[in-house]
């Protein structure tokens, strides 16, 4: 188990240093082996500093990790695939690894992903706090959203897009 974790961490550090994707590897373990064939993976938040490198693209969980709040992690991953496909179509005359194509993809995807991942992380932090004023504010805010069809639809539409 420890041998495998050291190998995975060394590989991540090597990739990160060569491509500059992560400012530093995450402090949390990749996984924790339990007795038997099962393992657990830590929940958390991370976002790669860069989604592209030389002829390389990070998509889905390789680019960002979010708490599985409302299943948005998969949607964000699909959004990356959709964005990359659109950029390839828009720049069909260029080589797929052309930096301008990759940079265009990264810029567009970051505009879409960063607000959603930040919102998910904020909601996770809001729901895990036991600080009474924040718990009261959270309860009040949810009550307001629950009574407003306009606000409910706004949240649903934002999650779908």
N, C-alpha and C. Protein backbone atom coordinates (compact mmCIF):
# COMPACT_ATOMS: atom_id res chain seq x y z
N UNK A 1 0.84 -1.19 0.00
CA UNK A 1 0.00 0.00 0.00
C UNK A 1 0.88 1.25 0.00
N UNK A 2 1.82 1.36 0.92
CA UNK A 2 2.67 2.56 0.99
C UNK A 2 3.55 2.66 -0.24
N UNK A 3 4.04 1.52 -0.74
CA UNK A 3 4.86 1.52 -1.94
C UNK A 3 4.07 2.10 -3.11
N UNK A 4 2.81 1.69 -3.26
CA UNK A 4 1.97 2.17 -4.35
C UNK A 4 1.70 3.67 -4.21
N UNK A 5 1.39 4.13 -3.00
CA UNK A 5 1.13 5.56 -2.79
C UNK A 5 2.37 6.39 -3.11
N UNK A 6 3.57 5.90 -2.75
CA UNK A 6 4.80 6.63 -3.07
C UNK A 6 4.99 6.70 -4.59
N UNK A 7 4.71 5.61 -5.29
CA UNK A 7 4.84 5.60 -6.75
C UNK A 7 3.86 6.56 -7.40
N UNK A 8 2.63 6.57 -6.93
CA UNK A 8 1.62 7.47 -7.49
C UNK A 8 2.02 8.92 -7.23
N UNK A 9 2.44 9.24 -6.01
CA UNK A 9 2.84 10.61 -5.68
C UNK A 9 4.05 11.03 -6.52
N UNK A 10 5.02 10.14 -6.69
CA UNK A 10 6.20 10.47 -7.50
C UNK A 10 5.80 10.71 -8.96
N UNK A 11 4.89 9.91 -9.47
CA UNK A 11 4.42 10.11 -10.84
C UNK A 11 3.70 11.45 -10.98
N UNK A 12 2.86 11.78 -10.00
CA UNK A 12 2.14 13.07 -10.05
C UNK A 12 3.12 14.23 -9.99
N UNK A 13 4.12 14.14 -9.14
CA UNK A 13 5.11 15.21 -9.04
C UNK A 13 5.88 15.35 -10.33
N UNK A 14 6.22 14.25 -10.96
CA UNK A 14 6.95 14.28 -12.22
C UNK A 14 6.11 14.93 -13.31
N UNK A 15 4.87 14.51 -13.46
CA UNK A 15 3.98 15.08 -14.47
C UNK A 15 3.75 16.56 -14.18
N UNK A 16 3.50 16.90 -12.92
CA UNK A 16 3.24 18.29 -12.56
C UNK A 16 4.43 19.18 -12.88
N UNK A 17 5.64 18.71 -12.58
CA UNK A 17 6.81 19.55 -12.82
C UNK A 17 7.09 19.69 -14.30
N UNK A 18 6.87 18.64 -15.08
CA UNK A 18 7.13 18.71 -16.51
C UNK A 18 6.11 19.55 -17.25
N UNK A 19 4.85 19.43 -16.88
CA UNK A 19 3.80 20.11 -17.62
C UNK A 19 3.27 21.35 -16.93
N UNK A 20 3.59 21.52 -15.67
CA UNK A 20 3.14 22.70 -14.94
C UNK A 20 1.65 22.71 -14.67
N UNK A 21 1.02 21.53 -14.60
CA UNK A 21 -0.42 21.49 -14.38
C UNK A 21 -0.80 21.88 -12.97
N UNK A 22 -0.11 21.35 -12.00
CA UNK A 22 -0.44 21.63 -10.61
C UNK A 22 0.68 22.44 -9.99
N UNK A 23 0.30 23.41 -9.20
CA UNK A 23 1.32 24.19 -8.52
C UNK A 23 2.08 23.30 -7.56
N UNK A 24 1.38 22.40 -6.91
CA UNK A 24 2.02 21.38 -6.07
C UNK A 24 1.05 20.23 -5.94
N UNK A 25 1.55 19.00 -5.80
CA UNK A 25 0.64 17.86 -5.67
C UNK A 25 -0.22 18.01 -4.41
N UNK A 26 -1.44 17.46 -4.44
CA UNK A 26 -2.31 17.58 -3.27
C UNK A 26 -1.70 16.91 -2.05
N UNK A 27 -2.01 17.45 -0.87
CA UNK A 27 -1.51 16.88 0.37
C UNK A 27 -2.27 15.63 0.78
N UNK A 28 -3.52 15.52 0.33
CA UNK A 28 -4.33 14.38 0.73
C UNK A 28 -3.89 13.14 -0.04
N UNK A 29 -3.99 11.97 0.59
CA UNK A 29 -3.61 10.75 -0.13
C UNK A 29 -4.56 10.49 -1.29
N UNK A 30 -4.06 9.84 -2.32
CA UNK A 30 -4.89 9.51 -3.47
C UNK A 30 -5.99 8.54 -3.04
N UNK A 31 -5.63 7.58 -2.25
CA UNK A 31 -6.62 6.65 -1.71
C UNK A 31 -6.06 6.05 -0.42
N UNK A 32 -6.95 5.48 0.34
CA UNK A 32 -6.56 4.77 1.56
C UNK A 32 -7.10 3.36 1.45
N UNK A 33 -6.21 2.38 1.48
CA UNK A 33 -6.64 0.98 1.41
C UNK A 33 -7.25 0.58 2.74
N UNK A 34 -8.37 -0.08 2.67
CA UNK A 34 -9.03 -0.60 3.86
C UNK A 34 -8.76 -2.10 3.91
N UNK A 35 -9.12 -2.75 5.01
CA UNK A 35 -8.97 -4.20 5.08
C UNK A 35 -9.82 -4.82 3.98
N UNK A 36 -9.23 -5.64 3.19
CA UNK A 36 -9.95 -6.29 2.10
C UNK A 36 -9.77 -5.54 0.80
N UNK A 37 -10.62 -5.82 -0.17
CA UNK A 37 -10.45 -5.26 -1.52
C UNK A 37 -10.96 -3.82 -1.69
N UNK A 38 -11.52 -3.24 -0.65
CA UNK A 38 -12.09 -1.90 -0.78
C UNK A 38 -11.07 -0.82 -0.43
N UNK A 39 -11.32 0.38 -0.94
CA UNK A 39 -10.49 1.54 -0.63
C UNK A 39 -11.41 2.75 -0.53
N UNK A 40 -10.92 3.81 0.09
CA UNK A 40 -11.71 5.03 0.14
C UNK A 40 -10.89 6.16 -0.48
N UNK A 41 -11.59 7.09 -1.10
CA UNK A 41 -10.97 8.22 -1.75
C UNK A 41 -11.42 9.49 -1.04
N UNK A 42 -10.52 10.39 -0.72
CA UNK A 42 -10.90 11.59 0.02
C UNK A 42 -11.75 12.53 -0.84
N UNK A 43 -12.76 13.12 -0.23
CA UNK A 43 -13.55 14.13 -0.91
C UNK A 43 -12.83 15.46 -0.73
N UNK A 44 -12.91 16.28 -1.71
CA UNK A 44 -12.23 17.57 -1.58
C UNK A 44 -12.38 18.39 -2.83
N UNK A 45 -11.60 19.43 -2.91
CA UNK A 45 -11.65 20.37 -4.01
C UNK A 45 -10.25 20.62 -4.51
N UNK A 46 -10.07 20.55 -5.80
CA UNK A 46 -8.82 20.98 -6.41
C UNK A 46 -9.10 21.35 -7.86
N UNK A 47 -8.30 22.22 -8.38
CA UNK A 47 -8.44 22.67 -9.75
C UNK A 47 -7.03 22.87 -10.30
N UNK A 48 -6.73 22.23 -11.42
CA UNK A 48 -5.40 22.36 -12.01
C UNK A 48 -5.15 23.81 -12.40
N UNK A 49 -3.93 24.25 -12.19
CA UNK A 49 -3.56 25.61 -12.59
C UNK A 49 -3.65 25.76 -14.10
N UNK A 50 -3.33 24.71 -14.83
CA UNK A 50 -3.42 24.71 -16.30
C UNK A 50 -4.16 23.45 -16.74
N UNK A 51 -4.98 23.57 -17.77
CA UNK A 51 -5.68 22.43 -18.34
C UNK A 51 -4.98 21.91 -19.59
N UNK A 52 -3.97 22.64 -20.07
CA UNK A 52 -3.27 22.23 -21.29
C UNK A 52 -1.77 22.28 -21.08
N UNK A 53 -1.09 21.48 -21.86
CA UNK A 53 0.37 21.45 -21.91
C UNK A 53 0.74 21.16 -23.35
N UNK A 54 2.00 20.91 -23.62
CA UNK A 54 2.40 20.60 -25.00
C UNK A 54 1.66 19.38 -25.54
N UNK A 55 0.75 19.61 -26.48
CA UNK A 55 -0.04 18.56 -27.13
C UNK A 55 -0.80 17.70 -26.12
N UNK A 56 -1.19 18.30 -25.00
CA UNK A 56 -1.84 17.58 -23.91
C UNK A 56 -3.01 18.39 -23.38
N UNK A 57 -4.10 17.69 -23.05
CA UNK A 57 -5.28 18.33 -22.48
C UNK A 57 -5.72 17.52 -21.26
N UNK A 58 -6.05 18.21 -20.18
CA UNK A 58 -6.65 17.56 -19.02
C UNK A 58 -8.16 17.73 -19.10
N UNK A 59 -8.88 16.66 -18.88
CA UNK A 59 -10.33 16.69 -18.88
C UNK A 59 -10.86 16.00 -17.62
N UNK A 60 -12.06 16.38 -17.21
CA UNK A 60 -12.74 15.71 -16.10
C UNK A 60 -11.96 15.77 -14.81
N UNK A 61 -11.93 14.65 -14.12
CA UNK A 61 -11.29 14.59 -12.80
C UNK A 61 -9.78 14.83 -12.87
N UNK A 62 -9.17 14.69 -14.03
CA UNK A 62 -7.74 14.99 -14.16
C UNK A 62 -7.51 16.50 -14.05
N UNK A 63 -8.52 17.29 -14.40
CA UNK A 63 -8.40 18.75 -14.38
C UNK A 63 -8.93 19.36 -13.10
N UNK A 64 -9.94 18.76 -12.52
CA UNK A 64 -10.57 19.34 -11.33
C UNK A 64 -11.24 18.23 -10.53
N UNK A 65 -11.31 18.47 -9.23
CA UNK A 65 -11.94 17.51 -8.31
C UNK A 65 -12.89 18.31 -7.44
N UNK A 66 -14.14 17.89 -7.41
CA UNK A 66 -15.13 18.58 -6.58
C UNK A 66 -15.85 17.55 -5.72
N UNK A 67 -16.41 18.03 -4.62
CA UNK A 67 -17.25 17.21 -3.77
C UNK A 67 -18.44 16.74 -4.61
N UNK A 68 -18.88 15.50 -4.45
CA UNK A 68 -19.96 14.99 -5.31
C UNK A 68 -21.34 15.58 -4.95
N UNK A 69 -21.39 16.86 -4.79
CA UNK A 69 -22.62 17.56 -4.44
C UNK A 69 -23.53 17.62 -5.68
N UNK A 70 -24.66 16.99 -5.60
CA UNK A 70 -25.66 16.98 -6.68
C UNK A 70 -25.12 16.40 -7.98
N UNK A 71 -24.06 15.60 -7.92
CA UNK A 71 -23.55 14.94 -9.11
C UNK A 71 -22.98 15.86 -10.18
N UNK A 72 -22.56 17.05 -9.81
CA UNK A 72 -22.10 18.02 -10.80
C UNK A 72 -20.71 17.72 -11.36
N UNK A 73 -19.92 16.89 -10.68
CA UNK A 73 -18.58 16.56 -11.18
C UNK A 73 -18.62 15.95 -12.56
N UNK A 74 -19.54 15.02 -12.79
CA UNK A 74 -19.68 14.39 -14.11
C UNK A 74 -20.12 15.42 -15.14
N UNK A 75 -21.06 16.28 -14.77
CA UNK A 75 -21.51 17.32 -15.71
C UNK A 75 -20.38 18.25 -16.10
N UNK A 76 -19.54 18.59 -15.14
CA UNK A 76 -18.41 19.47 -15.43
C UNK A 76 -17.44 18.76 -16.37
N UNK A 77 -17.23 17.46 -16.16
CA UNK A 77 -16.38 16.68 -17.06
C UNK A 77 -16.94 16.64 -18.47
N UNK A 78 -18.25 16.44 -18.60
CA UNK A 78 -18.88 16.44 -19.93
C UNK A 78 -18.75 17.81 -20.59
N UNK A 79 -18.83 18.85 -19.78
CA UNK A 79 -18.68 20.20 -20.30
C UNK A 79 -17.30 20.38 -20.94
N UNK A 80 -16.26 19.79 -20.33
CA UNK A 80 -14.92 19.86 -20.89
C UNK A 80 -14.83 19.18 -22.24
N UNK A 81 -15.45 18.01 -22.36
CA UNK A 81 -15.45 17.30 -23.64
C UNK A 81 -16.18 18.11 -24.70
N UNK A 82 -17.31 18.68 -24.33
CA UNK A 82 -18.08 19.50 -25.26
C UNK A 82 -17.27 20.71 -25.71
N UNK A 83 -16.61 21.35 -24.77
CA UNK A 83 -15.81 22.54 -25.08
C UNK A 83 -14.65 22.19 -26.01
N UNK A 84 -13.96 21.09 -25.74
CA UNK A 84 -12.84 20.68 -26.59
C UNK A 84 -13.34 20.35 -28.00
N UNK A 85 -14.45 19.66 -28.10
CA UNK A 85 -15.02 19.33 -29.41
C UNK A 85 -15.35 20.59 -30.20
N UNK A 86 -15.94 21.58 -29.54
CA UNK A 86 -16.27 22.85 -30.21
C UNK A 86 -15.01 23.56 -30.69
N UNK A 87 -13.97 23.58 -29.87
CA UNK A 87 -12.74 24.25 -30.27
C UNK A 87 -12.08 23.55 -31.46
N UNK A 88 -12.13 22.22 -31.47
CA UNK A 88 -11.55 21.48 -32.60
C UNK A 88 -12.32 21.80 -33.87
N UNK A 89 -13.66 21.86 -33.79
CA UNK A 89 -14.47 22.21 -34.96
C UNK A 89 -14.17 23.63 -35.44
N UNK A 90 -14.07 24.57 -34.50
CA UNK A 90 -13.82 25.96 -34.87
C UNK A 90 -12.45 26.16 -35.50
N UNK A 91 -11.49 25.33 -35.14
CA UNK A 91 -10.12 25.48 -35.63
C UNK A 91 -9.71 24.26 -36.45
N UNK A 92 -10.63 23.75 -37.28
CA UNK A 92 -10.38 22.51 -38.01
C UNK A 92 -9.21 22.61 -38.99
N UNK A 93 -8.85 23.83 -39.39
CA UNK A 93 -7.73 24.00 -40.32
C UNK A 93 -6.38 23.90 -39.62
N UNK A 94 -6.38 23.91 -38.30
CA UNK A 94 -5.12 23.87 -37.55
C UNK A 94 -4.85 22.48 -36.99
N UNK A 95 -3.61 22.23 -36.65
CA UNK A 95 -3.21 20.99 -36.01
C UNK A 95 -3.88 20.90 -34.63
N UNK A 96 -4.30 19.70 -34.23
CA UNK A 96 -4.98 19.53 -32.94
C UNK A 96 -4.13 19.99 -31.77
N UNK A 97 -2.82 19.85 -31.88
CA UNK A 97 -1.93 20.23 -30.78
C UNK A 97 -1.47 21.66 -30.84
N UNK A 98 -1.98 22.44 -31.80
CA UNK A 98 -1.59 23.85 -31.93
C UNK A 98 -1.90 24.59 -30.63
N UNK A 99 -0.93 25.36 -30.15
CA UNK A 99 -1.10 26.03 -28.86
C UNK A 99 -2.29 26.98 -28.86
N UNK A 100 -2.56 27.65 -29.98
CA UNK A 100 -3.69 28.59 -30.01
C UNK A 100 -5.02 27.86 -29.83
N UNK A 101 -5.13 26.65 -30.37
CA UNK A 101 -6.35 25.85 -30.19
C UNK A 101 -6.47 25.42 -28.74
N UNK A 102 -5.37 24.91 -28.18
CA UNK A 102 -5.40 24.45 -26.79
C UNK A 102 -5.64 25.60 -25.83
N UNK A 103 -5.01 26.73 -26.10
CA UNK A 103 -5.19 27.89 -25.22
C UNK A 103 -6.63 28.40 -25.29
N UNK A 104 -7.20 28.38 -26.46
CA UNK A 104 -8.60 28.80 -26.64
C UNK A 104 -9.53 27.86 -25.85
N UNK A 105 -9.26 26.56 -25.93
CA UNK A 105 -10.04 25.58 -25.17
C UNK A 105 -9.92 25.86 -23.67
N UNK A 106 -8.69 26.05 -23.20
CA UNK A 106 -8.47 26.26 -21.77
C UNK A 106 -9.19 27.51 -21.26
N UNK A 107 -9.10 28.58 -22.01
CA UNK A 107 -9.73 29.84 -21.61
C UNK A 107 -11.25 29.66 -21.50
N UNK A 108 -11.84 29.06 -22.52
CA UNK A 108 -13.29 28.87 -22.52
C UNK A 108 -13.73 27.93 -21.40
N UNK A 109 -13.01 26.84 -21.21
CA UNK A 109 -13.41 25.89 -20.17
C UNK A 109 -13.25 26.48 -18.78
N UNK A 110 -12.18 27.21 -18.54
CA UNK A 110 -12.00 27.84 -17.22
C UNK A 110 -13.13 28.81 -16.93
N UNK A 111 -13.59 29.54 -17.95
CA UNK A 111 -14.71 30.47 -17.75
C UNK A 111 -15.97 29.74 -17.30
N UNK A 112 -16.13 28.52 -17.77
CA UNK A 112 -17.32 27.74 -17.41
C UNK A 112 -17.14 26.98 -16.10
N UNK A 113 -15.97 26.41 -15.90
CA UNK A 113 -15.75 25.48 -14.79
C UNK A 113 -15.47 26.18 -13.46
N UNK A 114 -14.65 27.22 -13.48
CA UNK A 114 -14.25 27.84 -12.22
C UNK A 114 -15.44 28.36 -11.41
N UNK A 115 -16.41 29.06 -12.01
CA UNK A 115 -17.55 29.48 -11.19
C UNK A 115 -18.33 28.31 -10.59
N UNK A 116 -18.52 27.24 -11.37
CA UNK A 116 -19.29 26.10 -10.86
C UNK A 116 -18.53 25.36 -9.77
N UNK A 117 -17.24 25.12 -9.96
CA UNK A 117 -16.47 24.40 -8.94
C UNK A 117 -16.35 25.23 -7.67
N UNK A 118 -16.21 26.54 -7.82
CA UNK A 118 -16.14 27.42 -6.65
C UNK A 118 -17.47 27.41 -5.90
N UNK A 119 -18.58 27.44 -6.63
CA UNK A 119 -19.90 27.39 -6.01
C UNK A 119 -20.08 26.07 -5.25
N UNK A 120 -19.72 24.95 -5.89
CA UNK A 120 -19.86 23.64 -5.24
C UNK A 120 -19.03 23.57 -3.98
N UNK A 121 -17.78 24.05 -4.05
CA UNK A 121 -16.93 24.04 -2.87
C UNK A 121 -17.51 24.93 -1.76
N UNK A 122 -18.03 26.09 -2.15
CA UNK A 122 -18.65 26.98 -1.17
C UNK A 122 -19.86 26.35 -0.50
N UNK A 123 -20.70 25.68 -1.30
CA UNK A 123 -21.87 25.00 -0.74
C UNK A 123 -21.44 23.87 0.20
N UNK A 124 -20.42 23.14 -0.19
CA UNK A 124 -19.92 22.06 0.68
C UNK A 124 -19.43 22.65 2.01
N UNK A 125 -18.68 23.74 1.96
CA UNK A 125 -18.20 24.36 3.19
C UNK A 125 -19.36 24.90 4.02
N UNK A 126 -20.35 25.47 3.34
CA UNK A 126 -21.51 26.01 4.04
C UNK A 126 -22.28 24.90 4.77
N UNK A 127 -22.37 23.72 4.16
CA UNK A 127 -23.12 22.63 4.77
C UNK A 127 -22.31 21.85 5.81
N UNK A 128 -21.01 22.02 5.84
CA UNK A 128 -20.22 21.28 6.82
C UNK A 128 -19.89 22.12 8.05
N UNK A 129 -20.28 23.39 8.05
CA UNK A 129 -19.98 24.24 9.19
C UNK A 129 -20.97 24.01 10.33
N UNK A 130 -20.50 24.22 11.53
CA UNK A 130 -21.37 24.17 12.70
C UNK A 130 -21.43 25.54 13.38
N UNK A 131 -20.87 26.55 12.74
CA UNK A 131 -20.87 27.91 13.26
C UNK A 131 -22.30 28.45 13.20
N UNK A 132 -22.89 28.70 14.37
CA UNK A 132 -24.32 29.02 14.47
C UNK A 132 -24.80 30.14 13.55
N UNK A 133 -24.10 31.28 13.45
CA UNK A 133 -24.60 32.32 12.54
C UNK A 133 -24.67 31.85 11.08
N UNK A 134 -23.71 31.06 10.65
CA UNK A 134 -23.75 30.55 9.27
C UNK A 134 -24.85 29.51 9.09
N UNK A 135 -25.07 28.69 10.10
CA UNK A 135 -26.15 27.70 10.04
C UNK A 135 -27.49 28.43 9.93
N UNK A 136 -27.68 29.49 10.70
CA UNK A 136 -28.92 30.27 10.64
C UNK A 136 -29.08 30.94 9.28
N UNK A 137 -28.01 31.52 8.76
CA UNK A 137 -28.06 32.17 7.45
C UNK A 137 -28.36 31.14 6.36
N UNK A 138 -27.75 29.97 6.45
CA UNK A 138 -27.99 28.90 5.48
C UNK A 138 -29.46 28.49 5.50
N UNK A 139 -30.00 28.29 6.69
CA UNK A 139 -31.40 27.89 6.81
C UNK A 139 -32.33 28.95 6.25
N UNK A 140 -32.05 30.21 6.56
CA UNK A 140 -32.87 31.30 6.04
C UNK A 140 -32.79 31.34 4.51
N UNK A 141 -31.58 31.26 3.98
CA UNK A 141 -31.39 31.32 2.52
C UNK A 141 -32.10 30.18 1.81
N UNK A 142 -32.03 28.98 2.36
CA UNK A 142 -32.72 27.85 1.74
C UNK A 142 -34.23 28.04 1.78
N UNK A 143 -34.71 28.61 2.87
CA UNK A 143 -36.15 28.89 2.95
C UNK A 143 -36.59 29.88 1.89
N UNK A 144 -35.78 30.90 1.65
CA UNK A 144 -36.10 31.89 0.62
C UNK A 144 -36.11 31.23 -0.76
N UNK A 145 -35.08 30.44 -1.06
CA UNK A 145 -35.01 29.76 -2.36
C UNK A 145 -36.17 28.79 -2.51
N UNK A 146 -36.52 28.07 -1.46
CA UNK A 146 -37.60 27.10 -1.53
C UNK A 146 -38.94 27.76 -1.82
N UNK A 147 -39.14 28.99 -1.37
CA UNK A 147 -40.41 29.68 -1.59
C UNK A 147 -40.43 30.48 -2.90
N UNK A 148 -39.33 30.51 -3.63
CA UNK A 148 -39.26 31.31 -4.85
C UNK A 148 -39.02 30.42 -6.06
N UNK A 149 -40.04 30.30 -6.91
CA UNK A 149 -39.88 29.52 -8.13
C UNK A 149 -38.83 30.13 -9.05
N UNK A 150 -38.72 31.43 -9.05
CA UNK A 150 -37.73 32.10 -9.90
C UNK A 150 -36.32 31.69 -9.48
N UNK A 151 -36.03 31.72 -8.17
CA UNK A 151 -34.71 31.34 -7.69
C UNK A 151 -34.44 29.85 -7.91
N UNK A 152 -35.45 29.01 -7.66
CA UNK A 152 -35.29 27.57 -7.89
C UNK A 152 -34.93 27.31 -9.34
N UNK A 153 -35.68 27.93 -10.26
CA UNK A 153 -35.41 27.72 -11.69
C UNK A 153 -34.03 28.24 -12.08
N UNK A 154 -33.62 29.34 -11.47
CA UNK A 154 -32.29 29.89 -11.76
C UNK A 154 -31.20 28.87 -11.39
N UNK A 155 -31.32 28.25 -10.22
CA UNK A 155 -30.34 27.25 -9.79
C UNK A 155 -30.38 26.01 -10.67
N UNK A 156 -31.58 25.56 -11.02
CA UNK A 156 -31.71 24.37 -11.87
C UNK A 156 -31.10 24.64 -13.25
N UNK A 157 -31.39 25.80 -13.83
CA UNK A 157 -30.85 26.14 -15.14
C UNK A 157 -29.34 26.28 -15.12
N UNK A 158 -28.81 26.85 -14.05
CA UNK A 158 -27.35 26.98 -13.93
C UNK A 158 -26.70 25.60 -13.84
N UNK A 159 -27.32 24.68 -13.13
CA UNK A 159 -26.78 23.32 -13.00
C UNK A 159 -26.85 22.56 -14.32
N UNK A 160 -27.87 22.83 -15.11
CA UNK A 160 -28.04 22.13 -16.39
C UNK A 160 -27.10 22.65 -17.47
N UNK A 161 -26.75 23.91 -17.41
CA UNK A 161 -25.96 24.49 -18.51
C UNK A 161 -24.51 24.11 -18.44
